[in-house]
Protein backbone atom coordinates (compact mmCIF):
# COMPACT_ATOMS: atom_id res chain seq x y z
CA MET A 1 -0.28 -0.09 0.14
CA THR A 2 1.51 3.15 -1.00
CA GLU A 3 2.33 5.44 2.31
CA PRO A 4 0.52 8.54 2.52
CA LEU A 5 1.71 11.37 2.11
CA LEU A 6 -0.51 13.54 4.59
CA THR A 7 -2.81 11.99 7.26
CA LEU A 8 -5.47 13.73 9.48
CA THR A 9 -6.79 12.30 12.13
CA GLY A 10 -9.97 13.84 14.34
CA ILE A 11 -9.71 17.23 12.97
CA ARG A 12 -12.06 19.54 14.80
CA PHE A 13 -11.47 23.81 14.17
CA ALA A 14 -13.52 26.51 14.63
CA TYR A 15 -13.09 29.79 14.44
CA PRO A 16 -13.20 31.70 17.54
CA GLY A 17 -16.86 32.70 18.56
CA ALA A 18 -18.36 30.93 15.97
CA ASP A 19 -21.30 29.23 16.83
CA SER A 20 -20.17 25.64 15.19
CA PRO A 21 -16.93 24.28 13.95
CA VAL A 22 -15.89 24.25 10.49
CA LEU A 23 -14.28 20.76 10.61
CA ASP A 24 -15.18 18.25 13.35
CA GLY A 25 -13.90 14.88 13.76
CA LEU A 26 -12.59 14.24 10.35
CA ASP A 27 -10.19 12.06 9.25
CA TYR A 28 -8.37 11.99 5.91
CA GLN A 29 -5.61 10.61 3.86
CA PHE A 30 -3.48 11.85 0.89
CA THR A 31 -1.25 9.65 -1.10
CA PRO A 32 1.07 9.78 -4.04
CA ASP A 33 -1.37 8.28 -6.51
CA GLN A 34 -4.09 10.93 -5.94
CA ARG A 35 -5.16 14.29 -7.93
CA ILE A 36 -8.09 15.00 -5.85
CA GLY A 37 -11.19 18.08 -6.39
CA LEU A 38 -12.33 19.76 -3.51
CA PHE A 39 -15.93 21.61 -4.64
CA GLY A 40 -18.69 23.20 -2.78
CA PRO A 41 -19.72 26.61 -1.89
CA ASN A 42 -18.49 29.54 -0.20
CA GLY A 43 -18.32 29.29 3.55
CA SER A 44 -17.89 25.01 3.47
CA GLY A 45 -14.66 25.03 4.26
CA LYS A 46 -12.46 24.00 1.58
CA THR A 47 -9.68 26.80 2.00
CA THR A 48 -10.00 26.25 5.71
CA LEU A 49 -9.06 22.81 5.47
CA LEU A 50 -5.86 23.37 3.29
CA HIS A 51 -4.87 25.86 6.02
CA VAL A 52 -5.13 23.29 8.93
CA MET A 53 -3.48 20.65 6.77
CA LEU A 54 -0.25 22.82 6.43
CA GLY A 55 -0.12 24.57 9.98
CA LEU A 56 -1.55 28.01 8.31
CA LEU A 57 -4.84 27.12 10.81
CA LYS A 58 -4.31 25.12 14.64
CA PRO A 59 -6.86 22.75 14.74
CA GLN A 60 -8.30 22.57 18.38
CA ALA A 61 -8.31 18.42 18.23
CA GLY A 62 -6.98 15.84 16.01
CA GLU A 63 -3.33 14.75 14.54
CA ILE A 64 -1.40 15.75 11.95
CA ARG A 65 1.35 13.38 10.30
CA HIS A 66 3.59 13.47 7.27
CA LYS A 67 4.88 10.74 5.63
CA GLY A 68 3.72 8.90 8.86
CA ARG A 69 5.65 11.09 11.42
CA PRO A 70 3.39 13.28 13.87
CA VAL A 71 3.72 17.34 12.68
CA SER A 72 3.60 19.67 15.67
CA THR A 73 6.61 21.89 15.96
CA PRO A 74 6.82 24.79 13.87
CA GLN A 75 10.07 22.66 12.13
CA ASP A 76 7.74 19.83 11.57
CA PHE A 77 4.93 21.85 9.61
CA GLN A 78 8.07 24.30 7.63
CA ALA A 79 9.39 20.68 6.59
CA LEU A 80 5.60 19.62 5.65
CA ARG A 81 4.70 23.10 3.60
CA LEU A 82 7.77 22.31 1.60
CA SER A 83 6.79 18.68 0.62
CA LEU A 84 3.08 19.68 -0.22
CA ALA A 85 3.61 23.29 -1.24
CA LEU A 86 0.71 25.71 -1.62
CA LEU A 87 -0.49 27.81 -4.57
CA LEU A 88 -2.25 30.87 -2.91
CA GLN A 89 -6.14 31.83 -4.23
CA ASN A 90 -4.76 35.73 -4.78
CA ALA A 91 -1.18 35.95 -6.46
CA ASP A 92 -0.42 39.27 -5.10
CA ASP A 93 -0.28 37.28 -1.74
CA GLN A 94 2.48 34.85 -2.90
CA ILE A 95 4.47 36.88 -5.13
CA ILE A 96 7.16 39.10 -2.59
CA TYR A 97 10.09 40.12 -4.80
CA PRO A 98 9.75 42.94 -7.22
CA THR A 99 11.54 40.92 -9.94
CA VAL A 100 10.02 37.25 -11.57
CA LEU A 101 13.52 35.47 -10.98
CA ASP A 102 13.97 36.79 -7.53
CA ASP A 103 10.73 35.49 -6.69
CA VAL A 104 10.48 32.19 -8.26
CA ALA A 105 14.25 31.46 -6.61
CA PHE A 106 12.63 32.33 -3.45
CA GLY A 107 11.51 28.56 -2.59
CA PRO A 108 15.02 26.94 -3.73
CA LEU A 109 16.65 29.25 -1.92
CA ASN A 110 14.62 28.26 0.99
CA ARG A 111 15.58 24.53 0.21
CA GLY A 112 19.15 25.49 1.10
CA LEU A 113 20.01 26.01 -2.34
CA SER A 114 22.66 27.92 -3.68
CA GLU A 115 22.15 31.18 -5.52
CA ARG A 116 23.15 29.30 -8.43
CA GLN A 117 21.48 26.41 -8.21
CA ALA A 118 18.10 28.38 -7.44
CA ARG A 119 18.32 30.15 -10.07
CA GLU A 120 18.72 27.13 -12.55
CA LYS A 121 15.31 26.28 -10.70
CA ALA A 122 13.52 29.37 -11.23
CA GLU A 123 15.07 29.57 -14.98
CA TRP A 124 13.73 25.98 -15.19
CA ALA A 125 10.36 26.43 -13.74
CA LEU A 126 9.59 29.68 -16.00
CA ASP A 127 10.63 27.74 -18.82
CA LEU A 128 8.43 24.99 -18.00
CA LEU A 129 5.27 27.46 -18.16
CA GLY A 130 6.05 28.94 -21.33
CA LEU A 131 7.59 32.22 -19.10
CA ALA A 132 11.28 31.86 -20.60
CA GLY A 133 11.70 35.91 -21.26
CA PHE A 134 10.15 36.86 -17.97
CA ALA A 135 12.71 36.47 -15.75
CA GLU A 136 13.80 40.15 -15.63
CA ARG A 137 10.21 41.73 -15.79
CA LEU A 138 8.86 43.69 -12.76
CA ALA A 139 6.25 41.35 -11.21
CA HIS A 140 3.75 44.12 -10.33
CA ARG A 141 3.76 44.99 -14.13
CA LEU A 142 2.39 41.54 -14.82
CA SER A 143 -1.44 40.77 -16.18
CA GLY A 144 -3.47 38.84 -13.46
CA GLY A 145 -2.98 35.68 -15.28
CA GLU A 146 0.81 36.13 -15.59
CA LYS A 147 0.77 36.69 -11.67
CA LYS A 148 -0.85 33.62 -11.28
CA LEU A 149 1.78 31.55 -13.54
CA VAL A 150 5.03 33.02 -11.85
CA SER A 151 3.39 32.05 -8.50
CA LEU A 152 2.90 28.82 -9.93
CA ALA A 153 6.68 28.47 -11.12
CA GLY A 154 7.67 29.57 -7.79
CA VAL A 155 5.58 26.65 -6.43
CA LEU A 156 7.05 24.20 -9.08
CA ALA A 157 10.98 25.57 -8.30
CA MET A 158 10.60 23.81 -5.16
CA GLU A 159 10.21 20.32 -6.53
CA PRO A 160 7.06 19.39 -4.28
CA ASP A 161 6.21 16.01 -3.20
CA ALA A 162 2.38 17.05 -4.01
CA LEU A 163 0.77 20.35 -5.27
CA ILE A 164 -1.86 22.53 -3.14
CA LEU A 165 -4.11 24.52 -5.26
CA ASP A 166 -6.70 26.77 -3.80
CA GLU A 167 -9.14 28.14 -6.71
CA PRO A 168 -6.19 28.45 -9.54
CA THR A 169 -8.43 29.60 -11.97
CA ASN A 170 -9.60 33.05 -9.90
CA GLY A 171 -9.19 35.92 -12.30
CA LEU A 172 -8.07 34.02 -15.16
CA ASP A 173 -8.85 34.49 -18.93
CA PRO A 174 -10.09 31.55 -20.90
CA GLU A 175 -6.31 31.20 -22.73
CA THR A 176 -4.63 31.65 -19.19
CA ARG A 177 -6.69 28.85 -18.03
CA GLU A 178 -6.62 26.58 -20.95
CA ARG A 179 -2.39 26.85 -20.05
CA LEU A 180 -2.98 26.13 -16.66
CA VAL A 181 -5.09 23.00 -17.85
CA ASP A 182 -2.45 21.99 -19.95
CA ILE A 183 0.05 22.43 -18.15
CA LEU A 184 -1.18 20.68 -14.92
CA GLY A 185 -2.42 17.64 -16.94
CA LYS A 186 0.86 17.60 -18.19
CA LEU A 187 2.68 17.33 -14.39
CA ASP A 188 3.07 14.02 -12.78
CA LYS A 189 2.43 15.27 -9.54
CA PRO A 190 -0.28 14.47 -6.98
CA MET A 191 -2.75 17.78 -6.07
CA ILE A 192 -5.14 18.67 -3.92
CA VAL A 193 -6.86 21.34 -5.97
CA VAL A 194 -10.38 23.72 -4.60
CA SER A 195 -12.27 25.44 -7.36
CA HIS A 196 -15.23 26.30 -8.47
CA ASP A 197 -14.98 25.54 -11.61
CA TRP A 198 -16.47 21.75 -11.89
CA GLU A 199 -15.39 21.37 -15.79
CA PHE A 200 -11.79 22.59 -15.04
CA LEU A 201 -11.71 20.14 -12.17
CA GLU A 202 -12.85 17.16 -14.12
CA ARG A 203 -9.63 18.15 -16.71
CA VAL A 204 -6.96 18.14 -13.79
CA THR A 205 -8.03 15.59 -11.30
CA LYS A 206 -8.84 12.26 -11.15
CA THR A 207 -10.96 11.68 -8.05
CA TYR A 208 -13.51 14.03 -6.44
């Protein structure tokens, strides 16, 4: 049996002052052979679940395991987030450096690569997404779709074990959406994808 990348057991999470928990007694396993789509109305807890998975929100009860090992310390969660890399809904929340190359190279540098190695990884990821000429461009001057692809390049440059994508088609024009479908379809990586776009989920995932 394939060892789960992530195991959640008995997870309970409620926002302060809320009448009821968003997650209550949740059990879940994410394995390397899965490409999962999460579909549901606003407020159903999809993004909350992703943030709990990765330690961005702390559950009031339950256990999180990464590759069979309990995750509890900041160091544990840092390793988890390098393994299961998150693409945020809003690309402006993910892009932090002025130039595209510096931003995409940030993740590899965080993994301990040298500046030269990080640059090579960044250039590889940009080329993979058809952004080879974007390295020296200013991130704040990019279109919304270009920012989304640059954010994805930053995630891929980290070479994570899996991708966690939160509403990846938000704000994309039809052409960029099709590019994203093609890119994700060619990637040989497990994924959890949150989206309101059912047709997009049908095309990029295998389990719902």
